Amino acid sequence: MQKILAGASIGISELKMNPSAAIEAADGPVAVLNRNSPVAYLIPAEVWERICDVLDDVELAAIARERAGEKPIHVKLDDL
């Protein structure tokens, strides 16, 4: 049995019948089930945008850590 990582779930057949209603009724993530196993998750657009922002921040932090020990190169703005 697979763990469902959402407070609500919907069968894929029910979702196909009225996807708009499923999205509007959701208060947070919704697991989409096929034969009682999650096959996808629906999340609000704002949540997805926050997830993408956090992933970008993690990537930028890794780049900053990589470059932390590098010797700086001094340049003038006019030379750029």
PDB file of N, CA and C in Angstrom:
ATOM      1  N   MET A   1       0.842  -1.173   0.000  1.00  0.00           N
ATOM      2  CA  MET A   1       0.000   0.000   0.000  1.00  0.00           C
ATOM      3  C   MET A   1       0.888   1.237   0.000  1.00  0.00           C
ATOM      4  N   GLN A   2       0.512   2.182  -0.814  1.00  0.00           N
ATOM      5  CA  GLN A   2       1.271   3.415  -0.951  1.00  0.00           C
ATOM      6  C   GLN A   2       0.702   4.498  -0.045  1.00  0.00           C
ATOM      7  N   LYS A   3       1.578   5.300   0.529  1.00  0.00           N
ATOM      8  CA  LYS A   3       1.179   6.400   1.399  1.00  0.00           C
ATOM      9  C   LYS A   3       0.588   7.530   0.547  1.00  0.00           C
ATOM     10  N   ILE A   4      -0.506   8.122   1.007  1.00  0.00           N
ATOM     11  CA  ILE A   4      -1.122   9.251   0.306  1.00  0.00           C
ATOM     12  C   ILE A   4      -0.698  10.524   1.020  1.00  0.00           C
ATOM     13  N   LEU A   5      -0.057  11.401   0.278  1.00  0.00           N
ATOM     14  CA  LEU A   5       0.516  12.623   0.849  1.00  0.00           C
ATOM     15  C   LEU A   5      -0.390  13.835   0.618  1.00  0.00           C
ATOM     16  N   ALA A   6      -1.673  13.669   0.877  1.00  0.00           N
ATOM     17  CA  ALA A   6      -2.625  14.769   0.729  1.00  0.00           C
ATOM     18  C   ALA A   6      -3.776  14.535   1.693  1.00  0.00           C
ATOM     19  N   GLY A   7      -4.432  15.603   2.053  1.00  0.00           N
ATOM     20  CA  GLY A   7      -5.563  15.501   2.963  1.00  0.00           C
ATOM     21  C   GLY A   7      -6.846  15.074   2.279  1.00  0.00           C
ATOM     22  N   ALA A   8      -6.862  15.112   0.949  1.00  0.00           N
ATOM     23  CA  ALA A   8      -8.050  14.728   0.193  1.00  0.00           C
ATOM     24  C   ALA A   8      -7.630  13.870  -0.992  1.00  0.00           C
ATOM     25  N   SER A   9      -8.564  13.076  -1.481  1.00  0.00           N
ATOM     26  CA  SER A   9      -8.276  12.254  -2.654  1.00  0.00           C
ATOM     27  C   SER A   9      -9.510  12.186  -3.540  1.00  0.00           C
ATOM     28  N   ILE A  10      -9.276  11.840  -4.798  1.00  0.00           N
ATOM     29  CA  ILE A  10     -10.351  11.718  -5.770  1.00  0.00           C
ATOM     30  C   ILE A  10      -9.963  10.616  -6.744  1.00  0.00           C
ATOM     31  N   GLY A  11     -10.944   9.846  -7.162  1.00  0.00           N
ATOM     32  CA  GLY A  11     -10.696   8.830  -8.174  1.00  0.00           C
ATOM     33  C   GLY A  11     -10.491   9.474  -9.526  1.00  0.00           C
ATOM     34  N   ILE A  12      -9.679   8.841 -10.341  1.00  0.00           N
ATOM     35  CA  ILE A  12      -9.375   9.423 -11.647  1.00  0.00           C
ATOM     36  C   ILE A  12     -10.631   9.522 -12.512  1.00  0.00           C
ATOM     37  N   SER A  13     -11.551   8.554 -12.389  1.00  0.00           N
ATOM     38  CA  SER A  13     -12.806   8.604 -13.158  1.00  0.00           C
ATOM     39  C   SER A  13     -13.660   9.793 -12.730  1.00  0.00           C
ATOM     40  N   GLU A  14     -13.728  10.021 -11.426  1.00  0.00           N
ATOM     41  CA  GLU A  14     -14.488  11.163 -10.911  1.00  0.00           C
ATOM     42  C   GLU A  14     -13.856  12.475 -11.362  1.00  0.00           C
ATOM     43  N   LEU A  15     -12.538  12.531 -11.381  1.00  0.00           N
ATOM     44  CA  LEU A  15     -11.834  13.732 -11.826  1.00  0.00           C
ATOM     45  C   LEU A  15     -12.126  14.009 -13.292  1.00  0.00           C
ATOM     46  N   LYS A  16     -12.157  12.967 -14.119  1.00  0.00           N
ATOM     47  CA  LYS A  16     -12.440  13.142 -15.545  1.00  0.00           C
ATOM     48  C   LYS A  16     -13.837  13.707 -15.781  1.00  0.00           C
ATOM     49  N   MET A  17     -14.791  13.330 -14.924  1.00  0.00           N
ATOM     50  CA  MET A  17     -16.166  13.802 -15.109  1.00  0.00           C
ATOM     51  C   MET A  17     -16.295  15.297 -14.884  1.00  0.00           C
ATOM     52  N   ASN A  18     -15.594  15.835 -13.875  1.00  0.00           N
ATOM     53  CA  ASN A  18     -15.734  17.255 -13.565  1.00  0.00           C
ATOM     54  C   ASN A  18     -14.460  17.778 -12.897  1.00  0.00           C
ATOM     55  N   PRO A  19     -13.418  18.003 -13.680  1.00  0.00           N
ATOM     56  CA  PRO A  19     -12.155  18.453 -13.089  1.00  0.00           C
ATOM     57  C   PRO A  19     -12.258  19.807 -12.389  1.00  0.00           C
ATOM     58  N   SER A  20     -13.062  20.714 -12.927  1.00  0.00           N
ATOM     59  CA  SER A  20     -13.190  22.035 -12.315  1.00  0.00           C
ATOM     60  C   SER A  20     -13.760  21.943 -10.910  1.00  0.00           C
ATOM     61  N   ALA A  21     -14.762  21.109 -10.728  1.00  0.00           N
ATOM     62  CA  ALA A  21     -15.374  20.954  -9.408  1.00  0.00           C
ATOM     63  C   ALA A  21     -14.378  20.371  -8.415  1.00  0.00           C
ATOM     64  N   ALA A  22     -13.566  19.428  -8.859  1.00  0.00           N
ATOM     65  CA  ALA A  22     -12.570  18.822  -7.971  1.00  0.00           C
ATOM     66  C   ALA A  22     -11.550  19.854  -7.524  1.00  0.00           C
ATOM     67  N   ILE A  23     -11.120  20.682  -8.438  1.00  0.00           N
ATOM     68  CA  ILE A  23     -10.124  21.701  -8.116  1.00  0.00           C
ATOM     69  C   ILE A  23     -10.724  22.756  -7.182  1.00  0.00           C
ATOM     70  N   GLU A  24     -11.953  23.176  -7.459  1.00  0.00           N
ATOM     71  CA  GLU A  24     -12.603  24.190  -6.625  1.00  0.00           C
ATOM     72  C   GLU A  24     -12.895  23.668  -5.219  1.00  0.00           C
ATOM     73  N   ALA A  25     -13.241  22.396  -5.098  1.00  0.00           N
ATOM     74  CA  ALA A  25     -13.581  21.819  -3.795  1.00  0.00           C
ATOM     75  C   ALA A  25     -12.345  21.551  -2.947  1.00  0.00           C
ATOM     76  N   ALA A  26     -11.200  21.481  -3.578  1.00  0.00           N
ATOM     77  CA  ALA A  26      -9.968  21.144  -2.858  1.00  0.00           C
ATOM     78  C   ALA A  26      -9.524  22.299  -1.966  1.00  0.00           C
ATOM     79  N   ASP A  27      -9.110  21.937  -0.773  1.00  0.00           N
ATOM     80  CA  ASP A  27      -8.518  22.905   0.144  1.00  0.00           C
ATOM     81  C   ASP A  27      -7.099  22.441   0.394  1.00  0.00           C
ATOM     82  N   GLY A  28      -6.247  22.607  -0.610  1.00  0.00           N
ATOM     83  CA  GLY A  28      -4.888  22.103  -0.533  1.00  0.00           C
ATOM     84  C   GLY A  28      -4.688  20.982  -1.532  1.00  0.00           C
ATOM     85  N   PRO A  29      -3.617  20.203  -1.363  1.00  0.00           N
ATOM     86  CA  PRO A  29      -3.305  19.135  -2.311  1.00  0.00           C
ATOM     87  C   PRO A  29      -4.380  18.041  -2.339  1.00  0.00           C
ATOM     88  N   VAL A  30      -4.571  17.465  -3.518  1.00  0.00           N
ATOM     89  CA  VAL A  30      -5.525  16.376  -3.708  1.00  0.00           C
ATOM     90  C   VAL A  30      -4.792  15.229  -4.405  1.00  0.00           C
ATOM     91  N   ALA A  31      -4.878  14.040  -3.838  1.00  0.00           N
ATOM     92  CA  ALA A  31      -4.302  12.863  -4.472  1.00  0.00           C
ATOM     93  C   ALA A  31      -5.285  12.336  -5.509  1.00  0.00           C
ATOM     94  N   VAL A  32      -4.784  12.049  -6.703  1.00  0.00           N
ATOM     95  CA  VAL A  32      -5.599  11.440  -7.746  1.00  0.00           C
ATOM     96  C   VAL A  32      -5.310   9.947  -7.699  1.00  0.00           C
ATOM     97  N   LEU A  33      -6.372   9.161  -7.493  1.00  0.00           N
ATOM     98  CA  LEU A  33      -6.203   7.727  -7.301  1.00  0.00           C
ATOM     99  C   LEU A  33      -6.666   6.934  -8.508  1.00  0.00           C
ATOM    100  N   ASN A  34      -5.938   5.876  -8.801  1.00  0.00           N
ATOM    101  CA  ASN A  34      -6.326   4.901  -9.800  1.00  0.00           C
ATOM    102  C   ASN A  34      -6.187   3.538  -9.144  1.00  0.00           C
ATOM    103  N   ARG A  35      -7.293   2.858  -8.980  1.00  0.00           N
ATOM    104  CA  ARG A  35      -7.321   1.569  -8.273  1.00  0.00           C
ATOM    105  C   ARG A  35      -6.754   1.709  -6.863  1.00  0.00           C
ATOM    106  N   ASN A  36      -7.165   2.771  -6.200  1.00  0.00           N
ATOM    107  CA  ASN A  36      -6.805   3.067  -4.801  1.00  0.00           C
ATOM    108  C   ASN A  36      -5.320   3.341  -4.570  1.00  0.00           C
ATOM    109  N   SER A  37      -4.593   3.644  -5.624  1.00  0.00           N
ATOM    110  CA  SER A  37      -3.185   4.033  -5.486  1.00  0.00           C
ATOM    111  C   SER A  37      -3.007   5.416  -6.091  1.00  0.00           C
ATOM    112  N   PRO A  38      -2.234   6.285  -5.430  1.00  0.00           N
ATOM    113  CA  PRO A  38      -2.026   7.624  -5.987  1.00  0.00           C
ATOM    114  C   PRO A  38      -1.211   7.568  -7.280  1.00  0.00           C
ATOM    115  N   VAL A  39      -1.715   8.245  -8.300  1.00  0.00           N
ATOM    116  CA  VAL A  39      -1.010   8.326  -9.579  1.00  0.00           C
ATOM    117  C   VAL A  39      -0.579   9.756  -9.892  1.00  0.00           C
ATOM    118  N   ALA A  40      -1.160  10.711  -9.167  1.00  0.00           N
ATOM    119  CA  ALA A  40      -0.809  12.119  -9.369  1.00  0.00           C
ATOM    120  C   ALA A  40      -1.324  12.925  -8.189  1.00  0.00           C
ATOM    121  N   TYR A  41      -0.851  14.152  -8.089  1.00  0.00           N
ATOM    122  CA  TYR A  41      -1.335  15.087  -7.081  1.00  0.00           C
ATOM    123  C   TYR A  41      -1.722  16.380  -7.768  1.00  0.00           C
ATOM    124  N   LEU A  42      -2.852  16.923  -7.374  1.00  0.00           N
ATOM    125  CA  LEU A  42      -3.273  18.256  -7.815  1.00  0.00           C
ATOM    126  C   LEU A  42      -2.943  19.229  -6.701  1.00  0.00           C
ATOM    127  N   ILE A  43      -2.294  20.307  -7.062  1.00  0.00           N
ATOM    128  CA  ILE A  43      -1.998  21.336  -6.062  1.00  0.00           C
ATOM    129  C   ILE A  43      -2.383  22.691  -6.641  1.00  0.00           C
ATOM    130  N   PRO A  44      -2.773  23.630  -5.794  1.00  0.00           N
ATOM    131  CA  PRO A  44      -3.103  24.970  -6.285  1.00  0.00           C
ATOM    132  C   PRO A  44      -1.885  25.618  -6.962  1.00  0.00           C
ATOM    133  N   ALA A  45      -2.157  26.467  -7.935  1.00  0.00           N
ATOM    134  CA  ALA A  45      -1.086  27.129  -8.682  1.00  0.00           C
ATOM    135  C   ALA A  45      -0.147  27.905  -7.761  1.00  0.00           C
ATOM    136  N   GLU A  46      -0.709  28.554  -6.721  1.00  0.00           N
ATOM    137  CA  GLU A  46       0.140  29.328  -5.806  1.00  0.00           C
ATOM    138  C   GLU A  46       1.130  28.420  -5.080  1.00  0.00           C
ATOM    139  N   VAL A  47       0.693  27.224  -4.723  1.00  0.00           N
ATOM    140  CA  VAL A  47       1.578  26.275  -4.035  1.00  0.00           C
ATOM    141  C   VAL A  47       2.696  25.841  -4.971  1.00  0.00           C
ATOM    142  N   TRP A  48       2.345  25.538  -6.230  1.00  0.00           N
ATOM    143  CA  TRP A  48       3.364  25.134  -7.203  1.00  0.00           C
ATOM    144  C   TRP A  48       4.389  26.249  -7.405  1.00  0.00           C
ATOM    145  N   GLU A  49       3.930  27.487  -7.474  1.00  0.00           N
ATOM    146  CA  GLU A  49       4.833  28.620  -7.641  1.00  0.00           C
ATOM    147  C   GLU A  49       5.785  28.746  -6.456  1.00  0.00           C
ATOM    148  N   ARG A  50       5.264  28.534  -5.237  1.00  0.00           N
ATOM    149  CA  ARG A  50       6.128  28.578  -4.051  1.00  0.00           C
ATOM    150  C   ARG A  50       7.154  27.448  -4.075  1.00  0.00           C
ATOM    151  N   ILE A  51       6.726  26.252  -4.494  1.00  0.00           N
ATOM    152  CA  ILE A  51       7.651  25.117  -4.587  1.00  0.00           C
ATOM    153  C   ILE A  51       8.771  25.444  -5.567  1.00  0.00           C
ATOM    154  N   CYS A  52       8.419  26.002  -6.717  1.00  0.00           N
ATOM    155  CA  CYS A  52       9.434  26.366  -7.714  1.00  0.00           C
ATOM    156  C   CYS A  52      10.388  27.423  -7.171  1.00  0.00           C
ATOM    157  N   ASP A  53       9.871  28.398  -6.430  1.00  0.00           N
ATOM    158  CA  ASP A  53      10.725  29.429  -5.830  1.00  0.00           C
ATOM    159  C   ASP A  53      11.708  28.816  -4.833  1.00  0.00           C
ATOM    160  N   VAL A  54      11.213  27.894  -4.006  1.00  0.00           N
ATOM    161  CA  VAL A  54      12.080  27.242  -3.018  1.00  0.00           C
ATOM    162  C   VAL A  54      13.162  26.414  -3.717  1.00  0.00           C
ATOM    163  N   LEU A  55      12.784  25.691  -4.759  1.00  0.00           N
ATOM    164  CA  LEU A  55      13.777  24.894  -5.495  1.00  0.00           C
ATOM    165  C   LEU A  55      14.830  25.792  -6.140  1.00  0.00           C
ATOM    166  N   ASP A  56      14.406  26.932  -6.678  1.00  0.00           N
ATOM    167  CA  ASP A  56      15.367  27.891  -7.245  1.00  0.00           C
ATOM    168  C   ASP A  56      16.313  28.403  -6.159  1.00  0.00           C
ATOM    169  N   ASP A  57      15.764  28.705  -4.976  1.00  0.00           N
ATOM    170  CA  ASP A  57      16.592  29.187  -3.874  1.00  0.00           C
ATOM    171  C   ASP A  57      17.608  28.127  -3.437  1.00  0.00           C
ATOM    172  N   VAL A  58      17.193  26.869  -3.395  1.00  0.00           N
ATOM    173  CA  VAL A  58      18.100  25.779  -3.020  1.00  0.00           C
ATOM    174  C   VAL A  58      19.235  25.671  -4.035  1.00  0.00           C
ATOM    175  N   GLU A  59      18.886  25.769  -5.309  1.00  0.00           N
ATOM    176  CA  GLU A  59      19.905  25.699  -6.360  1.00  0.00           C
ATOM    177  C   GLU A  59      20.880  26.870  -6.266  1.00  0.00           C
ATOM    178  N   LEU A  60      20.358  28.072  -6.054  1.00  0.00           N
ATOM    179  CA  LEU A  60      21.228  29.245  -5.934  1.00  0.00           C
ATOM    180  C   LEU A  60      22.111  29.160  -4.689  1.00  0.00           C
ATOM    181  N   ALA A  61      21.580  28.631  -3.600  1.00  0.00           N
ATOM    182  CA  ALA A  61      22.378  28.470  -2.381  1.00  0.00           C
ATOM    183  C   ALA A  61      23.521  27.483  -2.618  1.00  0.00           C
ATOM    184  N   ALA A  62      23.267  26.419  -3.367  1.00  0.00           N
ATOM    185  CA  ALA A  62      24.323  25.453  -3.675  1.00  0.00           C
ATOM    186  C   ALA A  62      25.413  26.105  -4.518  1.00  0.00           C
ATOM    187  N   ILE A  63      25.027  26.925  -5.477  1.00  0.00           N
ATOM    188  CA  ILE A  63      26.014  27.638  -6.306  1.00  0.00           C
ATOM    189  C   ILE A  63      26.824  28.587  -5.435  1.00  0.00           C
ATOM    190  N   ALA A  64      26.164  29.303  -4.525  1.00  0.00           N
ATOM    191  CA  ALA A  64      26.869  30.241  -3.640  1.00  0.00           C
ATOM    192  C   ALA A  64      27.863  29.500  -2.749  1.00  0.00           C
ATOM    193  N   ARG A  65      27.469  28.327  -2.227  1.00  0.00           N
ATOM    194  CA  ARG A  65      28.396  27.544  -1.393  1.00  0.00           C
ATOM    195  C   ARG A  65      29.595  27.065  -2.212  1.00  0.00           C
ATOM    196  N   GLU A  66      29.348  26.649  -3.448  1.00  0.00           N
ATOM    197  CA  GLU A  66      30.437  26.214  -4.326  1.00  0.00           C
ATOM    198  C   GLU A  66      31.447  27.338  -4.558  1.00  0.00           C
ATOM    199  N   ARG A  67      30.940  28.533  -4.719  1.00  0.00           N
ATOM    200  CA  ARG A  67      31.788  29.670  -5.078  1.00  0.00           C
ATOM    201  C   ARG A  67      32.325  30.424  -3.869  1.00  0.00           C
ATOM    202  N   ALA A  68      31.970  30.018  -2.684  1.00  0.00           N
ATOM    203  CA  ALA A  68      32.353  30.757  -1.477  1.00  0.00           C
ATOM    204  C   ALA A  68      33.861  30.849  -1.311  1.00  0.00           C
ATOM    205  N   GLY A  69      34.601  29.859  -1.728  1.00  0.00           N
ATOM    206  CA  GLY A  69      36.054  29.873  -1.534  1.00  0.00           C
ATOM    207  C   GLY A  69      36.836  30.459  -2.699  1.00  0.00           C
ATOM    208  N   GLU A  70      36.150  30.898  -3.743  1.00  0.00           N
ATOM    209  CA  GLU A  70      36.844  31.434  -4.913  1.00  0.00           C
ATOM    210  C   GLU A  70      37.460  32.799  -4.612  1.00  0.00           C
ATOM    211  N   LYS A  71      38.553  33.068  -5.316  1.00  0.00           N
ATOM    212  CA  LYS A  71      39.208  34.370  -5.187  1.00  0.00           C
ATOM    213  C   LYS A  71      38.430  35.384  -6.039  1.00  0.00           C
ATOM    214  N   PRO A  72      38.059  36.530  -5.463  1.00  0.00           N
ATOM    215  CA  PRO A  72      37.284  37.517  -6.224  1.00  0.00           C
ATOM    216  C   PRO A  72      38.122  38.165  -7.332  1.00  0.00           C
ATOM    217  N   ILE A  73      37.456  38.543  -8.385  1.00  0.00           N
ATOM    218  CA  ILE A  73      38.084  39.259  -9.494  1.00  0.00           C
ATOM    219  C   ILE A  73      37.505  40.670  -9.495  1.00  0.00           C
ATOM    220  N   HIS A  74      38.363  41.656  -9.411  1.00  0.00           N
ATOM    221  CA  HIS A  74      37.911  43.046  -9.363  1.00  0.00           C
ATOM    222  C   HIS A  74      37.794  43.595 -10.780  1.00  0.00           C
ATOM    223  N   VAL A  75      36.630  44.158 -11.082  1.00  0.00           N
ATOM    224  CA  VAL A  75      36.391  44.765 -12.385  1.00  0.00           C
ATOM    225  C   VAL A  75      35.689  46.100 -12.180  1.00  0.00           C
ATOM    226  N   LYS A  76      35.784  46.939 -13.170  1.00  0.00           N
ATOM    227  CA  LYS A  76      35.070  48.209 -13.146  1.00  0.00           C
ATOM    228  C   LYS A  76      33.765  48.027 -13.913  1.00  0.00           C
ATOM    229  N   LEU A  77      32.711  48.698 -13.476  1.00  0.00           N
ATOM    230  CA  LEU A  77      31.424  48.594 -14.150  1.00  0.00           C
ATOM    231  C   LEU A  77      31.522  49.021 -15.599  1.00  0.00           C
ATOM    232  N   ASP A  78      32.358  50.009 -15.889  1.00  0.00           N
ATOM    233  CA  ASP A  78      32.520  50.489 -17.262  1.00  0.00           C
ATOM    234  C   ASP A  78      33.136  49.427 -18.167  1.00  0.00           C
ATOM    235  N   ASP A  79      33.858  48.468 -17.591  1.00  0.00           N
ATOM    236  CA  ASP A  79      34.488  47.417 -18.388  1.00  0.00           C
ATOM    237  C   ASP A  79      33.517  46.296 -18.741  1.00  0.00           C
ATOM    238  N   LEU A  80      32.350  46.284 -18.138  1.00  0.00           N
ATOM    239  CA  LEU A  80      31.399  45.203 -18.401  1.00  0.00           C
ATOM    240  C   LEU A  80      30.575  45.405 -19.620  1.00  0.00           C
TER     241      LEU A  80
END
